[in-house]
Amino acid sequence: MTPVTTRCCIAGGGPAGIMLGYLLARAGIDVVVLEKHADFFRDFRGDTIHPSTLTVMQELGLLDDFLKLRHSEVRTLSVNVSGEVVTIADLSRVPGPCKFVMFIPQWDFLKFLAEHARRFPGFRLLMETEARELVIEDGRVVGLRTLSHGQEMIVRADLTVAADGRTSILREQSGCEVIEIGAPIDVLWLRLSKKAGDSSQTFGNVVAGGILVAIDRVDYYQCAVVIKKGAFDEMRSRGLEAFRAYIATIAPFLADRVDELQSWDDVKLLTVAVNRLKQWHRPGLLFIGDAAHAMSPVGGIGINLAIQDAVAASNLLTDALRHGAPTDANLQSVQHRRERATRQTQAMQVFLQERILNCVLNTSNKIRLPWFLRLFRISALRRIPARIIGVGLLPEHVQTSEDQH
């Protein structure tokens, strides 16, 4: 086994892992990020970059270059309920330099961050390197056994960070208790073309028995079809033609392009899970992002939470990492900082899943615009969901400085 030694080893090259790697390397900490795939391209990854994340990019001096990448911007979020459209969020008054949600393929965001991180001498990103097993000595995690390009390798580190997502292997091995909250829904991802003349009010589409979110990726829509938990096999048994008709019923403006779905290979299942760890750490090991708390796709705020975890971890652990291994108290401070906002956000997502989405999917009666959505015709009330979605309950700001050496 070829040994690698670093101050911090991060398993997972998603938003939490790459952002934390960038921040630590920027502050002069030697860091190794492990990504098991050869690239960042995963079409089912979320696209939303929120105003709070764009504020972080400004604080890092990256915003102007980042906004030059091809993307779309949404300043209001609307929902179409059985043909009746209402705007539920107006981002024009959220704090920060960007009053919009930015939609950009996540692989472009990760590639951008990784390329800028490489200018720091302490940053190493090892692609095609999979974290396989925790290395534990005297009850403390001291690194990871990995498989890198077919070869076994050990990475030894003062701190190991698990940012390897909701199916985290390291979480299973750690023995940390998982609090399962559950979700009554799953999501099917697919893409359909965008055409000139499409209405700008295409984002949320709701009818009796169906929900579809159309994310504008400039040339096409990345569509999320919300279905009942475990219903995918039943939908497949009805045939692709029935599924195409189902999409056209939910979002009639897509009816002239559903034939672009040539096979079920064009449809990807995201099994929705909502859970969190009771304790986000053990000696030498910290969990962040979905590995610490799997979020529902409701609101598209999972990326936002992951980025804020990374910023908080950098703020709270950088000084300790400069001098060696962070203590349990150091790691606990990250959970203490982020847990309350995470729990409250999950509670809101669960409420929406169970009281609204699940009810929509289980009714055959025509849905009328609910009274509480009608309230958002009062423009001042649109600031509340805009703040929750765009900024979050506890926005983080970069408190570390760049190491100029």
Protein backbone atom coordinates (compact mmCIF):
# COMPACT_ATOMS: atom_id res chain seq x y z
CA MET A 1 0.00 0.00 0.00
CA THR A 2 1.31 3.42 -0.96
CA PRO A 3 0.86 5.74 2.05
CA VAL A 4 -0.24 9.37 1.70
CA THR A 5 -0.09 11.73 4.67
CA THR A 6 -2.12 14.91 5.00
CA ARG A 7 -3.56 17.18 7.64
CA CYS A 8 -7.17 16.61 6.49
CA CYS A 9 -8.61 13.89 4.25
CA ILE A 10 -12.08 14.48 2.80
CA ALA A 11 -14.05 11.57 1.35
CA GLY A 12 -16.43 12.77 -1.35
CA GLY A 13 -16.09 15.33 -4.13
CA GLY A 14 -19.58 16.81 -3.88
CA PRO A 15 -20.46 20.37 -2.84
CA ALA A 16 -19.58 19.87 0.84
CA GLY A 17 -16.30 18.07 0.16
CA ILE A 18 -14.97 20.33 -2.60
CA MET A 19 -15.97 23.52 -0.77
CA LEU A 20 -14.34 22.39 2.48
CA GLY A 21 -11.23 21.33 0.57
CA TYR A 22 -11.06 24.73 -1.10
CA LEU A 23 -11.50 26.63 2.16
CA LEU A 24 -8.90 24.63 4.09
CA ALA A 25 -6.32 24.81 1.29
CA ARG A 26 -6.97 28.55 0.97
CA ALA A 27 -6.15 28.90 4.66
CA GLY A 28 -2.87 27.00 4.23
CA ILE A 29 -4.01 23.58 5.45
CA ASP A 30 -2.77 20.52 3.57
CA VAL A 31 -5.86 18.66 2.35
CA VAL A 32 -6.64 15.64 0.18
CA VAL A 33 -10.10 15.24 -1.39
CA LEU A 34 -11.12 11.80 -2.65
CA GLU A 35 -13.65 11.41 -5.47
CA LYS A 36 -14.45 7.85 -6.56
CA HIS A 37 -15.56 8.78 -10.08
CA ALA A 38 -13.38 9.88 -12.99
CA ASP A 39 -15.32 13.15 -13.35
CA PHE A 40 -18.09 15.15 -11.67
CA PHE A 41 -20.71 14.38 -14.32
CA ARG A 42 -23.84 13.01 -12.68
CA ASP A 43 -27.03 14.22 -14.36
CA PHE A 44 -29.21 13.66 -11.30
CA ARG A 45 -27.22 16.03 -9.12
CA GLY A 46 -29.00 19.19 -7.98
CA ASP A 47 -28.54 22.41 -9.91
CA THR A 48 -29.50 25.09 -7.41
CA ILE A 49 -26.95 27.62 -6.19
CA HIS A 50 -28.63 29.84 -3.63
CA PRO A 51 -28.02 33.50 -2.77
CA SER A 52 -26.24 32.46 0.45
CA THR A 53 -23.79 30.31 -1.53
CA LEU A 54 -23.27 33.13 -4.03
CA THR A 55 -22.45 35.38 -1.07
CA VAL A 56 -19.78 32.86 -0.02
CA MET A 57 -18.41 32.92 -3.56
CA GLN A 58 -18.19 36.72 -3.35
CA GLU A 59 -16.37 36.49 -0.01
CA LEU A 60 -13.85 34.18 -1.69
CA GLY A 61 -13.37 36.55 -4.63
CA LEU A 62 -14.81 33.99 -7.06
CA LEU A 63 -18.24 35.41 -7.82
CA ASP A 64 -17.48 37.46 -10.95
CA ASP A 65 -15.76 34.54 -12.69
CA PHE A 66 -18.41 32.10 -11.53
CA LEU A 67 -21.24 34.18 -12.99
CA LYS A 68 -19.50 34.08 -16.37
CA LEU A 69 -20.32 30.38 -16.62
CA ARG A 70 -23.40 29.50 -18.63
CA HIS A 71 -26.38 29.43 -16.30
CA SER A 72 -29.93 30.61 -15.77
CA GLU A 73 -31.29 32.83 -13.00
CA VAL A 74 -34.65 32.73 -11.27
CA ARG A 75 -35.76 35.75 -9.25
CA THR A 76 -39.25 34.54 -8.43
CA LEU A 77 -40.53 31.02 -7.84
CA SER A 78 -44.01 30.21 -9.04
CA VAL A 79 -46.27 27.18 -8.94
CA ASN A 80 -49.01 26.23 -11.40
CA VAL A 81 -51.83 24.44 -9.61
CA SER A 82 -54.38 23.04 -12.08
CA GLY A 83 -53.75 25.98 -14.41
CA GLU A 84 -53.78 28.69 -11.73
CA VAL A 85 -50.36 30.31 -11.27
CA VAL A 86 -49.17 32.00 -8.09
CA THR A 87 -45.74 33.39 -7.19
CA ILE A 88 -44.69 32.04 -3.80
CA ALA A 89 -41.18 33.49 -3.41
CA ASP A 90 -39.67 36.82 -4.44
CA LEU A 91 -35.90 36.91 -4.00
CA SER A 92 -35.50 40.61 -4.71
CA ARG A 93 -35.11 41.45 -1.02
CA VAL A 94 -32.87 38.64 0.22
CA PRO A 95 -29.52 39.80 1.65
CA GLY A 96 -26.35 39.46 -0.37
CA PRO A 97 -25.09 40.51 -3.79
CA CYS A 98 -27.31 38.14 -5.81
CA LYS A 99 -31.07 38.35 -5.60
CA PHE A 100 -31.72 35.12 -7.48
CA VAL A 101 -31.32 31.37 -7.43
CA MET A 102 -28.71 30.34 -9.96
CA PHE A 103 -29.33 27.16 -11.93
CA ILE A 104 -26.16 25.56 -13.24
CA PRO A 105 -25.27 21.89 -13.72
CA GLN A 106 -23.62 20.79 -10.50
CA TRP A 107 -20.63 19.34 -12.36
CA ASP A 108 -19.82 22.84 -13.66
CA PHE A 109 -19.93 24.22 -10.10
CA LEU A 110 -17.68 21.44 -8.75
CA LYS A 111 -15.25 21.71 -11.67
CA PHE A 112 -15.03 25.49 -11.17
CA LEU A 113 -14.27 25.16 -7.46
CA ALA A 114 -11.74 22.37 -8.00
CA GLU A 115 -9.88 24.30 -10.70
CA HIS A 116 -9.57 27.33 -8.45
CA ALA A 117 -8.58 25.19 -5.46
CA ARG A 118 -5.64 23.75 -7.40
CA ARG A 119 -3.85 27.10 -7.25
CA PHE A 120 -3.28 26.44 -3.54
CA PRO A 121 -0.21 24.24 -2.97
CA GLY A 122 -1.89 22.28 -0.17
CA PHE A 123 -4.86 21.09 -2.26
CA ARG A 124 -4.88 17.62 -3.78
CA LEU A 125 -7.90 16.14 -5.54
CA LEU A 126 -7.57 12.41 -6.23
CA MET A 127 -10.11 11.29 -8.83
CA GLU A 128 -11.06 7.64 -9.25
CA THR A 129 -10.13 7.15 -5.61
CA GLU A 130 -12.78 5.50 -3.47
CA ALA A 131 -12.83 5.60 0.33
CA ARG A 132 -13.22 1.95 1.36
CA GLU A 133 -12.55 1.68 5.08
CA LEU A 134 -11.80 3.75 8.16
CA VAL A 135 -8.32 3.29 9.62
CA ILE A 136 -8.72 3.22 13.39
CA GLU A 137 -5.91 3.15 15.93
CA ASP A 138 -6.47 3.23 19.70
CA GLY A 139 -10.13 4.17 19.16
CA ARG A 140 -9.33 7.14 16.91
CA VAL A 141 -9.85 7.46 13.15
CA VAL A 142 -6.43 8.22 11.65
CA GLY A 143 -7.25 7.96 7.96
CA LEU A 144 -8.78 5.86 5.21
CA ARG A 145 -8.05 2.77 3.19
CA THR A 146 -8.83 3.59 -0.41
CA LEU A 147 -8.87 2.06 -3.85
CA SER A 148 -7.17 4.43 -6.29
CA HIS A 149 -7.01 3.50 -9.99
CA GLY A 150 -7.18 -0.17 -9.02
CA GLN A 151 -4.46 0.08 -6.38
CA GLU A 152 -4.91 -0.01 -2.61
CA MET A 153 -3.70 3.11 -0.83
CA ILE A 154 -3.83 4.39 2.73
CA VAL A 155 -4.35 8.09 3.39
CA ARG A 156 -3.34 9.07 6.92
CA ALA A 157 -4.77 12.29 8.31
CA ASP A 158 -5.15 14.26 11.53
CA LEU A 159 -8.81 14.72 10.57
CA THR A 160 -10.96 12.61 8.29
CA VAL A 161 -14.15 14.21 6.94
CA ALA A 162 -16.93 12.05 5.53
CA ALA A 163 -18.72 14.05 2.85
CA ASP A 164 -19.62 10.96 0.83
CA GLY A 165 -23.36 11.53 0.64
CA ARG A 166 -26.53 9.89 1.88
CA THR A 167 -25.24 6.38 1.11
CA SER A 168 -22.03 7.02 3.06
CA ILE A 169 -19.97 3.86 3.54
CA LEU A 170 -18.03 5.58 6.28
CA ARG A 171 -21.21 6.36 8.19
CA GLU A 172 -22.06 2.65 8.25
CA GLN A 173 -18.58 1.76 9.48
CA SER A 174 -18.47 4.44 12.15
CA GLY A 175 -21.27 2.95 14.19
CA CYS A 176 -22.87 6.39 14.60
CA GLU A 177 -26.61 6.20 15.26
CA VAL A 178 -28.86 7.30 12.39
CA ILE A 179 -32.21 8.93 13.16
CA GLU A 180 -34.53 7.90 10.31
CA ILE A 181 -37.28 10.42 9.61
CA GLY A 182 -38.53 8.94 6.36
CA ALA A 183 -40.15 10.33 3.21
CA PRO A 184 -43.38 9.36 1.41
CA ILE A 185 -41.98 10.34 -1.99
CA ASP A 186 -39.32 9.50 -4.54
CA VAL A 187 -38.21 11.56 -7.54
CA LEU A 188 -37.68 10.66 -11.19
CA TRP A 189 -35.13 12.78 -13.07
CA LEU A 190 -35.31 13.27 -16.81
CA ARG A 191 -34.53 15.91 -19.41
CA LEU A 192 -36.74 17.43 -22.09
CA SER A 193 -35.93 20.14 -24.61
CA LYS A 194 -36.68 23.81 -24.07
CA LYS A 195 -38.38 25.65 -26.91
CA ALA A 196 -38.73 29.27 -27.89
CA GLY A 197 -41.99 30.64 -26.63
CA ASP A 198 -42.10 28.53 -23.48
CA SER A 199 -43.61 30.49 -20.63
CA SER A 200 -41.26 31.68 -17.89
CA GLN A 201 -43.79 30.24 -15.39
CA THR A 202 -42.75 26.62 -15.91
CA PHE A 203 -41.00 25.83 -12.63
CA GLY A 204 -43.60 24.10 -10.44
CA ASN A 205 -46.52 22.15 -11.93
CA VAL A 206 -49.21 20.50 -9.79
CA VAL A 207 -52.35 18.57 -10.74
CA ALA A 208 -54.34 15.85 -8.98
CA GLY A 209 -52.00 12.87 -8.70
CA GLY A 210 -48.94 14.56 -10.17
CA ILE A 211 -46.12 17.02 -9.46
CA LEU A 212 -43.36 18.08 -11.86
CA VAL A 213 -40.59 20.64 -11.37
CA ALA A 214 -38.91 21.92 -14.54
CA ILE A 215 -35.43 23.34 -13.94
CA ASP A 216 -34.26 25.66 -16.72
CA ARG A 217 -30.82 24.56 -17.94
CA VAL A 218 -30.81 27.16 -20.75
CA ASP A 219 -31.10 24.65 -23.63
CA TYR A 220 -33.33 22.10 -21.93
CA TYR A 221 -35.33 21.36 -18.80
CA GLN A 222 -34.04 19.05 -16.13
CA CYS A 223 -37.34 17.69 -14.83
CA ALA A 224 -38.10 16.21 -11.44
CA VAL A 225 -41.26 14.11 -11.36
CA VAL A 226 -42.39 13.50 -7.79
CA ILE A 227 -43.92 10.05 -7.25
CA LYS A 228 -45.16 8.00 -4.30
CA LYS A 229 -42.45 6.14 -2.39
CA GLY A 230 -41.66 2.87 -4.15
CA ALA A 231 -44.03 3.52 -7.08
CA PHE A 232 -41.42 3.45 -9.85
CA ASP A 233 -41.75 -0.28 -10.64
CA GLU A 234 -45.52 0.06 -10.96
CA MET A 235 -45.10 3.05 -13.31
CA ARG A 236 -42.67 1.08 -15.45
CA SER A 237 -45.09 -1.83 -15.68
CA ARG A 238 -47.67 0.48 -17.28
CA GLY A 239 -45.25 1.27 -20.10
CA LEU A 240 -43.32 4.26 -21.37
CA GLU A 241 -46.22 5.62 -23.39
CA ALA A 242 -48.37 5.86 -20.27
CA PHE A 243 -45.54 7.66 -18.48
CA ARG A 244 -45.22 10.16 -21.33
CA ALA A 245 -48.97 10.84 -21.12
CA TYR A 246 -48.64 11.30 -17.35
CA ILE A 247 -45.98 13.99 -17.83
CA ALA A 248 -48.13 15.75 -20.45
CA THR A 249 -51.05 15.77 -18.03
CA ILE A 250 -49.03 17.41 -15.27
CA ALA A 251 -47.23 19.92 -17.52
CA PRO A 252 -49.18 20.35 -20.78
CA PHE A 253 -46.50 22.62 -22.26
CA LEU A 254 -44.22 19.56 -22.42
CA ALA A 255 -46.72 17.41 -24.33
CA ASP A 256 -45.11 18.12 -27.71
CA ARG A 257 -41.73 16.78 -26.58
CA VAL A 258 -42.38 13.79 -24.30
CA ASP A 259 -41.44 11.49 -27.20
CA GLU A 260 -37.83 12.55 -26.53
CA LEU A 261 -37.96 9.90 -23.79
CA GLN A 262 -36.88 6.94 -25.89
CA SER A 263 -36.51 4.35 -23.13
CA TRP A 264 -36.54 3.97 -19.35
CA ASP A 265 -32.77 4.53 -19.48
CA ASP A 266 -33.68 8.22 -19.93
CA VAL A 267 -35.34 8.23 -16.51
CA LYS A 268 -33.26 8.14 -13.29
CA LEU A 269 -34.70 7.25 -9.90
CA LEU A 270 -33.71 9.26 -6.84
CA THR A 271 -34.79 7.39 -3.73
CA VAL A 272 -35.61 10.14 -1.27
CA ALA A 273 -34.37 9.75 2.30
CA VAL A 274 -34.59 12.15 5.20
CA ASN A 275 -32.40 11.29 8.17
CA ARG A 276 -29.57 12.62 10.32
CA LEU A 277 -26.89 11.35 12.62
CA LYS A 278 -27.46 11.66 16.35
CA GLN A 279 -23.76 12.49 16.65
CA TRP A 280 -21.89 13.90 13.67
CA HIS A 281 -18.44 12.89 14.84
CA ARG A 282 -16.22 10.43 16.62
CA PRO A 283 -12.52 10.88 17.48
CA GLY A 284 -10.69 11.94 14.32
CA LEU A 285 -13.82 11.79 12.13
CA LEU A 286 -16.43 14.40 11.16
CA PHE A 287 -19.56 14.02 8.99
CA ILE A 288 -20.95 16.93 6.95
CA GLY A 289 -23.51 17.39 4.18
CA ASP A 290 -25.79 14.50 3.28
CA ALA A 291 -23.52 12.08 5.14
CA ALA A 292 -24.54 13.88 8.34
CA HIS A 293 -28.10 14.72 7.33
CA ALA A 294 -29.84 13.48 4.20
CA MET A 295 -32.23 16.15 2.99
CA SER A 296 -35.38 15.94 0.91
CA PRO A 297 -35.18 17.55 -2.56
CA VAL A 298 -38.08 19.81 -1.49
CA GLY A 299 -36.93 23.39 -2.02
CA GLY A 300 -33.65 22.27 -3.59
CA ILE A 301 -31.84 23.33 -0.43
CA GLY A 302 -29.67 20.27 0.22
CA ILE A 303 -26.73 21.86 -1.61
CA ASN A 304 -27.20 25.03 0.42
CA LEU A 305 -27.02 23.09 3.69
CA ALA A 306 -23.95 21.16 2.52
CA ILE A 307 -22.09 24.35 1.58
CA GLN A 308 -22.95 25.97 4.90
CA ASP A 309 -21.69 22.87 6.76
CA ALA A 310 -18.39 23.21 4.89
CA VAL A 311 -18.04 26.91 5.68
CA ALA A 312 -18.83 26.33 9.36
CA ALA A 313 -16.36 23.44 9.57
CA SER A 314 -13.63 25.57 8.02
CA ASN A 315 -14.34 28.49 10.34
CA LEU A 316 -14.30 26.30 13.45
CA LEU A 317 -11.51 23.83 12.67
CA THR A 318 -8.85 25.71 10.71
CA ASP A 319 -6.93 26.94 13.76
CA ALA A 320 -6.97 23.50 15.36
CA LEU A 321 -5.75 21.87 12.13
CA ARG A 322 -2.81 24.27 11.99
CA HIS A 323 -1.55 22.72 15.21
CA GLY A 324 -2.46 19.07 14.74
CA ALA A 325 -5.55 16.97 15.27
CA PRO A 326 -8.82 18.66 16.26
CA THR A 327 -10.23 17.54 19.60
CA ASP A 328 -13.65 16.00 20.13
CA ALA A 329 -14.76 19.39 21.48
CA ASN A 330 -13.63 21.02 18.22
CA LEU A 331 -15.69 18.54 16.19
CA GLN A 332 -18.67 18.87 18.49
CA SER A 333 -18.64 22.63 17.87
CA VAL A 334 -19.45 22.01 14.18
CA GLN A 335 -22.49 19.92 15.04
CA HIS A 336 -23.55 22.44 17.69
CA ARG A 337 -23.33 25.22 15.12
CA ARG A 338 -25.24 23.46 12.33
CA GLU A 339 -27.61 20.98 13.95
CA ARG A 340 -30.48 23.25 14.96
CA ALA A 341 -30.83 24.81 11.49
CA THR A 342 -30.63 21.33 9.96
CA ARG A 343 -33.35 19.93 12.22
CA GLN A 344 -35.66 22.88 11.59
CA THR A 345 -35.13 22.68 7.83
CA GLN A 346 -35.86 18.95 7.81
CA ALA A 347 -39.00 19.57 9.87
CA MET A 348 -40.27 22.03 7.27
CA GLN A 349 -39.46 19.62 4.45
CA VAL A 350 -41.25 16.75 6.20
CA PHE A 351 -44.31 18.94 6.77
CA LEU A 352 -44.46 19.83 3.08
CA GLN A 353 -43.89 16.22 2.01
CA GLU A 354 -46.58 14.74 4.21
CA ARG A 355 -49.22 17.47 4.31
CA ILE A 356 -48.99 18.71 0.73
CA LEU A 357 -46.99 16.55 -1.70
CA ASN A 358 -48.29 13.24 -0.41
CA CYS A 359 -51.87 14.52 -0.42
CA VAL A 360 -51.54 15.73 -4.02
CA LEU A 361 -50.16 12.37 -5.16
CA ASN A 362 -52.95 10.44 -3.45
CA THR A 363 -55.95 12.36 -4.74
CA SER A 364 -57.90 11.98 -7.96
CA ASN A 365 -60.10 15.02 -7.39
CA LYS A 366 -59.27 18.25 -9.14
CA ILE A 367 -56.96 20.35 -6.98
CA ARG A 368 -57.78 23.97 -6.40
CA LEU A 369 -55.23 26.50 -5.26
CA PRO A 370 -55.08 26.12 -1.42
CA TRP A 371 -55.95 29.11 0.73
CA PHE A 372 -52.44 29.42 2.16
CA LEU A 373 -50.95 29.69 -1.34
CA ARG A 374 -53.48 32.37 -2.21
CA LEU A 375 -51.97 34.40 0.63
CA PHE A 376 -48.79 34.79 -1.45
CA ARG A 377 -50.68 37.08 -3.76
CA ILE A 378 -49.75 39.57 -1.04
CA SER A 379 -46.26 40.44 -2.26
CA ALA A 380 -44.82 41.12 1.21
CA LEU A 381 -45.44 37.51 2.27
CA ARG A 382 -43.27 36.21 -0.59
CA ARG A 383 -40.20 37.35 1.34
CA ILE A 384 -40.64 34.57 3.92
CA PRO A 385 -40.18 31.52 1.64
CA ALA A 386 -37.60 33.51 -0.34
CA ARG A 387 -35.53 33.92 2.82
CA ILE A 388 -35.87 30.25 3.81
CA ILE A 389 -35.06 28.91 0.35
CA GLY A 390 -32.49 31.50 -0.71
CA VAL A 391 -30.58 32.11 2.50
CA GLY A 392 -31.50 29.40 4.98
CA LEU A 393 -32.06 29.58 8.70
CA LEU A 394 -28.41 30.13 9.63
CA PRO A 395 -26.30 31.50 6.77
CA GLU A 396 -22.55 31.07 7.19
CA HIS A 397 -19.84 33.54 6.18
CA VAL A 398 -16.16 32.91 5.52
CA GLN A 399 -14.16 33.90 8.59
CA THR A 400 -10.77 32.47 7.60
CA SER A 401 -8.22 34.45 5.63
CA GLU A 402 -6.19 33.32 2.66
CA ASP A 403 -2.69 32.11 3.44
CA GLN A 404 -0.42 34.22 1.23
CA HIS A 405 2.62 31.95 1.64
